[in-house]
Amino acid sequence: LFSHSNKQWYQRRVRGSIGIAVDHRRKNRSQEGLQANVLRLKEYRSRLILFPRKASAPKKGDSTQAEIDVATQLTGPVLPIKQVLSDTTARVISDEEKKQSAFQTMRMYRANAKLVGMREKRAKEAAEDDGLGVKKKKK
């Protein structure tokens, strides 16, 4: 479970005992996705009823006897992930957009990024020229 304030995971034994699986290879690449996961896990944790291992000696975090008495076993998806739909709508492609080529645009940007060093070098050499095509000697 992810704590929103200090952003640290619960201990591994606690996570496993309350049914939270963590894939350490995955990363939240957007703040919106991270917030959605935090809210979903907090809601899961608030609905969770933890039975004490020993009924005679409940520990901190275990549910009260009243909560345990009303607990029922859930089947199916407990908290399904809700997909947020974007508010974009279909529209007609304009003539200007039809004339542009995404491939050509990307190819031009790639070429410009590749040749930037060589172009800077040529510009520097042209600035050092005296106009006759002869380079000045370095001192």
N, C-alpha and C. Protein backbone atom coordinates (compact mmCIF):
# COMPACT_ATOMS: atom_id res chain seq x y z
N LEU A 1 0.85 -1.17 0.00
CA LEU A 1 0.00 0.00 0.00
C LEU A 1 0.89 1.22 0.00
N PHE A 2 0.48 2.22 -0.68
CA PHE A 2 1.28 3.43 -0.85
C PHE A 2 0.75 4.50 0.08
N SER A 3 1.61 5.07 0.89
CA SER A 3 1.23 6.17 1.75
C SER A 3 1.41 7.47 0.98
N HIS A 4 0.38 8.28 0.90
CA HIS A 4 0.43 9.48 0.07
C HIS A 4 1.43 10.51 0.62
N SER A 5 1.52 10.62 1.94
CA SER A 5 2.35 11.68 2.51
C SER A 5 3.84 11.40 2.34
N ASN A 6 4.30 10.22 2.73
CA ASN A 6 5.74 9.98 2.66
C ASN A 6 6.12 9.04 1.52
N LYS A 7 5.16 8.54 0.77
CA LYS A 7 5.38 7.72 -0.42
C LYS A 7 6.31 6.53 -0.15
N GLN A 8 6.01 5.79 0.90
CA GLN A 8 6.77 4.58 1.18
C GLN A 8 5.81 3.41 1.25
N TRP A 9 6.29 2.27 0.78
CA TRP A 9 5.46 1.07 0.78
C TRP A 9 5.41 0.46 2.17
N TYR A 10 4.27 -0.18 2.45
CA TYR A 10 4.20 -0.96 3.67
C TYR A 10 5.24 -2.07 3.62
N GLN A 11 5.52 -2.62 4.75
CA GLN A 11 6.49 -3.71 4.79
C GLN A 11 5.97 -4.88 3.97
N ARG A 12 6.89 -5.65 3.45
CA ARG A 12 6.54 -6.76 2.55
C ARG A 12 5.60 -7.76 3.21
N ARG A 13 5.83 -8.09 4.46
CA ARG A 13 4.98 -9.09 5.14
C ARG A 13 3.56 -8.56 5.32
N VAL A 14 3.43 -7.29 5.61
CA VAL A 14 2.09 -6.70 5.80
C VAL A 14 1.35 -6.67 4.48
N ARG A 15 2.05 -6.26 3.40
CA ARG A 15 1.41 -6.21 2.07
C ARG A 15 0.88 -7.58 1.67
N GLY A 16 1.71 -8.59 1.84
CA GLY A 16 1.30 -9.93 1.45
C GLY A 16 0.14 -10.45 2.27
N SER A 17 0.08 -10.08 3.54
CA SER A 17 -0.98 -10.60 4.41
C SER A 17 -2.32 -9.93 4.17
N ILE A 18 -2.33 -8.72 3.60
CA ILE A 18 -3.62 -8.06 3.36
C ILE A 18 -4.01 -8.09 1.89
N GLY A 19 -3.28 -8.82 1.05
CA GLY A 19 -3.71 -9.06 -0.32
C GLY A 19 -3.29 -8.01 -1.33
N ILE A 20 -2.15 -7.35 -1.12
CA ILE A 20 -1.66 -6.36 -2.08
C ILE A 20 -0.41 -6.91 -2.73
N ALA A 21 -0.48 -7.14 -4.03
CA ALA A 21 0.67 -7.63 -4.78
C ALA A 21 1.37 -6.43 -5.42
N VAL A 22 2.70 -6.45 -5.41
CA VAL A 22 3.48 -5.34 -5.95
C VAL A 22 4.46 -5.89 -6.98
N ASP A 23 4.47 -5.30 -8.14
CA ASP A 23 5.44 -5.64 -9.18
C ASP A 23 6.51 -4.55 -9.18
N HIS A 24 7.70 -4.90 -8.71
CA HIS A 24 8.76 -3.90 -8.56
C HIS A 24 9.34 -3.46 -9.89
N ARG A 25 9.01 -4.15 -10.98
CA ARG A 25 9.52 -3.76 -12.30
C ARG A 25 8.74 -2.61 -12.89
N ARG A 26 7.53 -2.38 -12.40
CA ARG A 26 6.68 -1.34 -12.96
C ARG A 26 6.95 0.00 -12.30
N LYS A 27 6.74 1.07 -13.06
CA LYS A 27 6.90 2.42 -12.54
C LYS A 27 5.68 3.24 -12.90
N ASN A 28 5.27 4.13 -12.01
CA ASN A 28 4.22 5.08 -12.33
C ASN A 28 4.88 6.22 -13.08
N ARG A 29 4.59 6.35 -14.36
CA ARG A 29 5.25 7.35 -15.18
C ARG A 29 4.50 8.67 -15.23
N SER A 30 3.31 8.71 -14.66
CA SER A 30 2.57 9.97 -14.64
C SER A 30 2.02 10.20 -13.24
N GLN A 31 1.92 11.46 -12.88
CA GLN A 31 1.41 11.82 -11.56
C GLN A 31 -0.07 11.42 -11.43
N GLU A 32 -0.82 11.51 -12.54
CA GLU A 32 -2.24 11.15 -12.50
C GLU A 32 -2.42 9.66 -12.21
N GLY A 33 -1.59 8.82 -12.85
CA GLY A 33 -1.67 7.39 -12.61
C GLY A 33 -1.30 7.04 -11.18
N LEU A 34 -0.28 7.71 -10.66
CA LEU A 34 0.13 7.49 -9.28
C LEU A 34 -0.98 7.86 -8.31
N GLN A 35 -1.61 9.02 -8.53
CA GLN A 35 -2.70 9.45 -7.66
C GLN A 35 -3.88 8.48 -7.72
N ALA A 36 -4.18 7.98 -8.93
CA ALA A 36 -5.29 7.03 -9.07
C ALA A 36 -4.99 5.75 -8.30
N ASN A 37 -3.74 5.27 -8.36
CA ASN A 37 -3.36 4.07 -7.61
C ASN A 37 -3.42 4.31 -6.11
N VAL A 38 -2.95 5.45 -5.66
CA VAL A 38 -2.97 5.77 -4.24
C VAL A 38 -4.40 5.79 -3.72
N LEU A 39 -5.30 6.47 -4.46
CA LEU A 39 -6.70 6.53 -4.03
C LEU A 39 -7.36 5.16 -4.03
N ARG A 40 -7.05 4.36 -5.05
CA ARG A 40 -7.64 3.01 -5.13
C ARG A 40 -7.17 2.14 -3.97
N LEU A 41 -5.87 2.22 -3.62
CA LEU A 41 -5.35 1.41 -2.53
C LEU A 41 -5.85 1.90 -1.17
N LYS A 42 -6.03 3.20 -1.03
CA LYS A 42 -6.59 3.73 0.22
C LYS A 42 -8.03 3.28 0.39
N GLU A 43 -8.79 3.28 -0.71
CA GLU A 43 -10.18 2.82 -0.63
C GLU A 43 -10.22 1.33 -0.29
N TYR A 44 -9.34 0.55 -0.88
CA TYR A 44 -9.25 -0.89 -0.58
C TYR A 44 -8.95 -1.10 0.90
N ARG A 45 -7.97 -0.34 1.40
CA ARG A 45 -7.56 -0.48 2.80
C ARG A 45 -8.69 -0.08 3.75
N SER A 46 -9.48 0.94 3.37
CA SER A 46 -10.58 1.37 4.24
C SER A 46 -11.70 0.34 4.28
N ARG A 47 -11.91 -0.39 3.20
CA ARG A 47 -12.98 -1.41 3.16
C ARG A 47 -12.53 -2.75 3.74
N LEU A 48 -11.24 -2.92 3.90
CA LEU A 48 -10.69 -4.20 4.33
C LEU A 48 -10.99 -4.47 5.80
N ILE A 49 -11.40 -5.68 6.09
CA ILE A 49 -11.62 -6.10 7.47
C ILE A 49 -10.58 -7.15 7.79
N LEU A 50 -9.65 -6.81 8.69
CA LEU A 50 -8.57 -7.73 9.06
C LEU A 50 -8.98 -8.51 10.31
N PHE A 51 -8.98 -9.81 10.17
CA PHE A 51 -9.27 -10.67 11.30
C PHE A 51 -7.99 -10.85 12.11
N PRO A 52 -8.07 -10.79 13.43
CA PRO A 52 -6.85 -11.00 14.22
C PRO A 52 -6.41 -12.46 14.15
N ARG A 53 -5.10 -12.68 14.23
CA ARG A 53 -4.60 -14.05 14.22
C ARG A 53 -5.02 -14.79 15.49
N LYS A 54 -4.96 -14.06 16.60
CA LYS A 54 -5.45 -14.62 17.86
C LYS A 54 -6.65 -13.78 18.28
N ALA A 55 -7.79 -14.41 18.42
CA ALA A 55 -8.99 -13.68 18.80
C ALA A 55 -8.87 -13.10 20.20
N SER A 56 -8.07 -13.75 21.05
CA SER A 56 -7.93 -13.27 22.42
C SER A 56 -6.99 -12.07 22.53
N ALA A 57 -6.09 -11.90 21.54
CA ALA A 57 -5.13 -10.80 21.60
C ALA A 57 -5.04 -10.09 20.25
N PRO A 58 -6.03 -9.25 19.93
CA PRO A 58 -5.95 -8.52 18.66
C PRO A 58 -4.84 -7.47 18.70
N LYS A 59 -4.23 -7.25 17.54
CA LYS A 59 -3.13 -6.29 17.44
C LYS A 59 -3.63 -4.99 16.81
N LYS A 60 -2.74 -4.00 16.80
CA LYS A 60 -3.06 -2.72 16.19
C LYS A 60 -3.32 -2.93 14.70
N GLY A 61 -4.38 -2.34 14.17
CA GLY A 61 -4.71 -2.49 12.76
C GLY A 61 -5.75 -3.57 12.51
N ASP A 62 -5.97 -4.47 13.47
CA ASP A 62 -7.01 -5.48 13.31
C ASP A 62 -8.38 -4.85 13.52
N SER A 63 -9.40 -5.49 12.95
CA SER A 63 -10.76 -4.95 13.04
C SER A 63 -11.36 -5.26 14.40
N THR A 64 -12.38 -4.48 14.73
CA THR A 64 -13.08 -4.69 16.00
C THR A 64 -14.01 -5.89 15.88
N GLN A 65 -14.50 -6.34 17.02
CA GLN A 65 -15.39 -7.50 17.03
C GLN A 65 -16.70 -7.20 16.30
N ALA A 66 -17.18 -5.96 16.36
CA ALA A 66 -18.42 -5.59 15.67
C ALA A 66 -18.24 -5.67 14.16
N GLU A 67 -17.09 -5.21 13.65
CA GLU A 67 -16.82 -5.30 12.21
C GLU A 67 -16.67 -6.74 11.76
N ILE A 68 -16.07 -7.55 12.60
CA ILE A 68 -15.87 -8.96 12.24
C ILE A 68 -17.21 -9.69 12.17
N ASP A 69 -18.14 -9.35 13.05
CA ASP A 69 -19.45 -10.02 13.07
C ASP A 69 -20.25 -9.75 11.81
N VAL A 70 -20.12 -8.57 11.20
CA VAL A 70 -20.91 -8.23 10.02
C VAL A 70 -20.16 -8.53 8.72
N ALA A 71 -18.96 -9.07 8.81
CA ALA A 71 -18.14 -9.32 7.62
C ALA A 71 -18.73 -10.44 6.77
N THR A 72 -18.70 -10.27 5.45
CA THR A 72 -19.13 -11.29 4.51
C THR A 72 -18.04 -11.48 3.47
N GLN A 73 -17.98 -12.67 2.90
CA GLN A 73 -16.98 -12.97 1.87
C GLN A 73 -17.46 -12.42 0.54
N LEU A 74 -16.62 -11.64 -0.12
CA LEU A 74 -16.96 -11.08 -1.42
C LEU A 74 -16.43 -12.00 -2.52
N THR A 75 -17.19 -12.09 -3.59
CA THR A 75 -16.74 -12.86 -4.75
C THR A 75 -16.71 -11.93 -5.95
N GLY A 76 -15.87 -12.24 -6.92
CA GLY A 76 -15.76 -11.39 -8.11
C GLY A 76 -14.80 -10.24 -7.86
N PRO A 77 -14.77 -9.30 -8.79
CA PRO A 77 -13.85 -8.16 -8.62
C PRO A 77 -14.29 -7.29 -7.43
N VAL A 78 -13.38 -7.11 -6.48
CA VAL A 78 -13.71 -6.36 -5.28
C VAL A 78 -13.72 -4.86 -5.58
N LEU A 79 -12.64 -4.36 -6.16
CA LEU A 79 -12.56 -2.95 -6.56
C LEU A 79 -12.08 -2.90 -8.00
N PRO A 80 -12.99 -2.92 -8.96
CA PRO A 80 -12.55 -2.89 -10.35
C PRO A 80 -11.91 -1.55 -10.69
N ILE A 81 -10.93 -1.58 -11.59
CA ILE A 81 -10.25 -0.36 -12.02
C ILE A 81 -11.18 0.38 -12.98
N LYS A 82 -11.45 1.63 -12.67
CA LYS A 82 -12.33 2.44 -13.51
C LYS A 82 -11.50 3.18 -14.54
N GLN A 83 -11.79 2.97 -15.79
CA GLN A 83 -11.08 3.66 -16.86
C GLN A 83 -11.73 5.03 -17.07
N VAL A 84 -10.90 6.06 -17.07
CA VAL A 84 -11.39 7.42 -17.29
C VAL A 84 -11.36 7.68 -18.79
N LEU A 85 -12.52 8.00 -19.34
CA LEU A 85 -12.61 8.25 -20.77
C LEU A 85 -12.23 9.70 -21.05
N SER A 86 -11.46 9.89 -22.11
CA SER A 86 -11.09 11.25 -22.48
C SER A 86 -12.29 11.94 -23.14
N ASP A 87 -12.31 13.25 -23.06
CA ASP A 87 -13.45 14.00 -23.58
C ASP A 87 -13.23 14.48 -25.01
N THR A 88 -12.41 13.77 -25.76
CA THR A 88 -12.21 14.15 -27.15
C THR A 88 -13.33 13.57 -28.01
N THR A 89 -13.69 14.32 -29.02
CA THR A 89 -14.75 13.87 -29.93
C THR A 89 -14.20 13.79 -31.34
N ALA A 90 -14.86 13.02 -32.18
CA ALA A 90 -14.43 12.88 -33.56
C ALA A 90 -14.66 14.19 -34.31
N ARG A 91 -13.77 14.51 -35.24
CA ARG A 91 -13.90 15.72 -36.02
C ARG A 91 -13.38 15.46 -37.43
N VAL A 92 -13.67 16.38 -38.32
CA VAL A 92 -13.25 16.26 -39.71
C VAL A 92 -11.80 16.72 -39.82
N ILE A 93 -10.99 15.98 -40.57
CA ILE A 93 -9.60 16.35 -40.79
C ILE A 93 -9.56 17.48 -41.80
N SER A 94 -8.83 18.55 -41.43
CA SER A 94 -8.77 19.72 -42.31
C SER A 94 -7.84 19.46 -43.49
N ASP A 95 -7.94 20.30 -44.53
CA ASP A 95 -7.08 20.16 -45.71
C ASP A 95 -5.62 20.40 -45.35
N GLU A 96 -5.37 21.33 -44.43
CA GLU A 96 -3.99 21.60 -44.01
C GLU A 96 -3.38 20.39 -43.32
N GLU A 97 -4.17 19.69 -42.51
CA GLU A 97 -3.69 18.48 -41.83
C GLU A 97 -3.46 17.35 -42.83
N LYS A 98 -4.27 17.30 -43.87
CA LYS A 98 -4.09 16.26 -44.89
C LYS A 98 -2.80 16.45 -45.67
N LYS A 99 -2.39 17.71 -45.87
CA LYS A 99 -1.18 18.01 -46.63
C LYS A 99 0.08 17.65 -45.85
N GLN A 100 0.03 17.73 -44.52
CA GLN A 100 1.20 17.43 -43.71
C GLN A 100 1.42 15.93 -43.61
N SER A 101 2.69 15.56 -43.54
CA SER A 101 3.05 14.15 -43.39
C SER A 101 3.79 13.98 -42.06
N ALA A 102 3.27 13.13 -41.20
CA ALA A 102 3.92 12.90 -39.91
C ALA A 102 5.29 12.27 -40.11
N PHE A 103 5.40 11.37 -41.08
CA PHE A 103 6.68 10.71 -41.35
C PHE A 103 7.73 11.73 -41.77
N GLN A 104 7.37 12.62 -42.70
CA GLN A 104 8.31 13.64 -43.16
C GLN A 104 8.72 14.58 -42.03
N THR A 105 7.76 14.96 -41.19
CA THR A 105 8.04 15.85 -40.08
C THR A 105 9.03 15.20 -39.11
N MET A 106 8.78 13.96 -38.76
CA MET A 106 9.67 13.25 -37.84
C MET A 106 11.05 13.05 -38.46
N ARG A 107 11.09 12.76 -39.75
CA ARG A 107 12.35 12.56 -40.44
C ARG A 107 13.17 13.85 -40.45
N MET A 108 12.50 14.99 -40.64
CA MET A 108 13.19 16.28 -40.65
C MET A 108 13.75 16.60 -39.27
N TYR A 109 12.97 16.36 -38.22
CA TYR A 109 13.45 16.61 -36.86
C TYR A 109 14.64 15.72 -36.53
N ARG A 110 14.58 14.44 -36.95
CA ARG A 110 15.69 13.52 -36.71
C ARG A 110 16.95 13.99 -37.42
N ALA A 111 16.81 14.41 -38.68
CA ALA A 111 17.96 14.88 -39.46
C ALA A 111 18.55 16.14 -38.85
N ASN A 112 17.71 17.07 -38.42
CA ASN A 112 18.20 18.29 -37.80
C ASN A 112 18.95 18.00 -36.50
N ALA A 113 18.44 17.07 -35.71
CA ALA A 113 19.11 16.71 -34.46
C ALA A 113 20.46 16.04 -34.74
N LYS A 114 20.53 15.24 -35.79
CA LYS A 114 21.76 14.53 -36.13
C LYS A 114 22.82 15.49 -36.67
N LEU A 115 22.42 16.48 -37.45
CA LEU A 115 23.37 17.34 -38.15
C LEU A 115 23.68 18.64 -37.42
N VAL A 116 23.17 18.85 -36.23
CA VAL A 116 23.34 20.12 -35.54
C VAL A 116 24.82 20.41 -35.26
N GLY A 117 25.59 19.41 -34.87
CA GLY A 117 27.01 19.62 -34.58
C GLY A 117 27.81 19.99 -35.81
N MET A 118 27.55 19.30 -36.90
CA MET A 118 28.27 19.58 -38.15
C MET A 118 27.92 20.98 -38.66
N ARG A 119 26.66 21.38 -38.55
CA ARG A 119 26.27 22.71 -39.01
C ARG A 119 26.90 23.81 -38.16
N GLU A 120 27.00 23.58 -36.86
CA GLU A 120 27.66 24.55 -35.99
C GLU A 120 29.14 24.68 -36.34
N LYS A 121 29.78 23.56 -36.65
CA LYS A 121 31.20 23.57 -37.02
C LYS A 121 31.40 24.35 -38.31
N ARG A 122 30.54 24.11 -39.30
CA ARG A 122 30.65 24.83 -40.57
C ARG A 122 30.43 26.34 -40.38
N ALA A 123 29.48 26.70 -39.55
CA ALA A 123 29.21 28.12 -39.30
C ALA A 123 30.40 28.77 -38.60
N LYS A 124 31.01 28.04 -37.69
CA LYS A 124 32.18 28.57 -36.99
C LYS A 124 33.35 28.76 -37.95
N GLU A 125 33.55 27.78 -38.84
CA GLU A 125 34.62 27.89 -39.83
C GLU A 125 34.36 29.03 -40.81
N ALA A 126 33.11 29.22 -41.19
CA ALA A 126 32.76 30.31 -42.11
C ALA A 126 33.00 31.67 -41.45
N ALA A 127 32.80 31.75 -40.14
CA ALA A 127 33.04 33.00 -39.43
C ALA A 127 34.54 33.29 -39.35
N GLU A 128 35.35 32.23 -39.30
CA GLU A 128 36.80 32.40 -39.23
C GLU A 128 37.40 32.74 -40.59
N ASP A 129 36.71 32.43 -41.68
CA ASP A 129 37.19 32.74 -43.02
C ASP A 129 37.32 34.26 -43.19
N ASP A 130 38.25 34.66 -44.01
CA ASP A 130 38.40 36.09 -44.27
C ASP A 130 37.65 36.54 -45.51
N GLY A 131 36.82 35.67 -46.07
CA GLY A 131 36.02 36.03 -47.23
C GLY A 131 36.61 35.57 -48.54
N LEU A 132 37.87 35.16 -48.56
CA LEU A 132 38.52 34.71 -49.79
C LEU A 132 38.58 33.19 -49.89
N GLY A 133 38.00 32.53 -48.95
CA GLY A 133 38.05 31.08 -48.96
C GLY A 133 39.30 30.55 -48.29
N VAL A 134 40.12 31.43 -47.74
CA VAL A 134 41.34 31.03 -47.06
C VAL A 134 41.11 31.19 -45.56
N LYS A 135 41.46 30.14 -44.84
CA LYS A 135 41.28 30.18 -43.41
C LYS A 135 42.40 30.98 -42.75
N LYS A 136 42.05 31.65 -41.68
CA LYS A 136 43.07 32.37 -40.93
C LYS A 136 43.88 31.37 -40.13
N LYS A 137 45.12 31.66 -39.92
CA LYS A 137 45.98 30.78 -39.15
C LYS A 137 45.69 31.01 -37.66
N LYS A 138 45.71 29.91 -36.96
CA LYS A 138 45.51 29.99 -35.50
C LYS A 138 46.81 30.37 -34.86
N LYS A 139 46.76 31.18 -33.86
CA LYS A 139 47.98 31.60 -33.16
C LYS A 139 48.19 30.82 -31.91
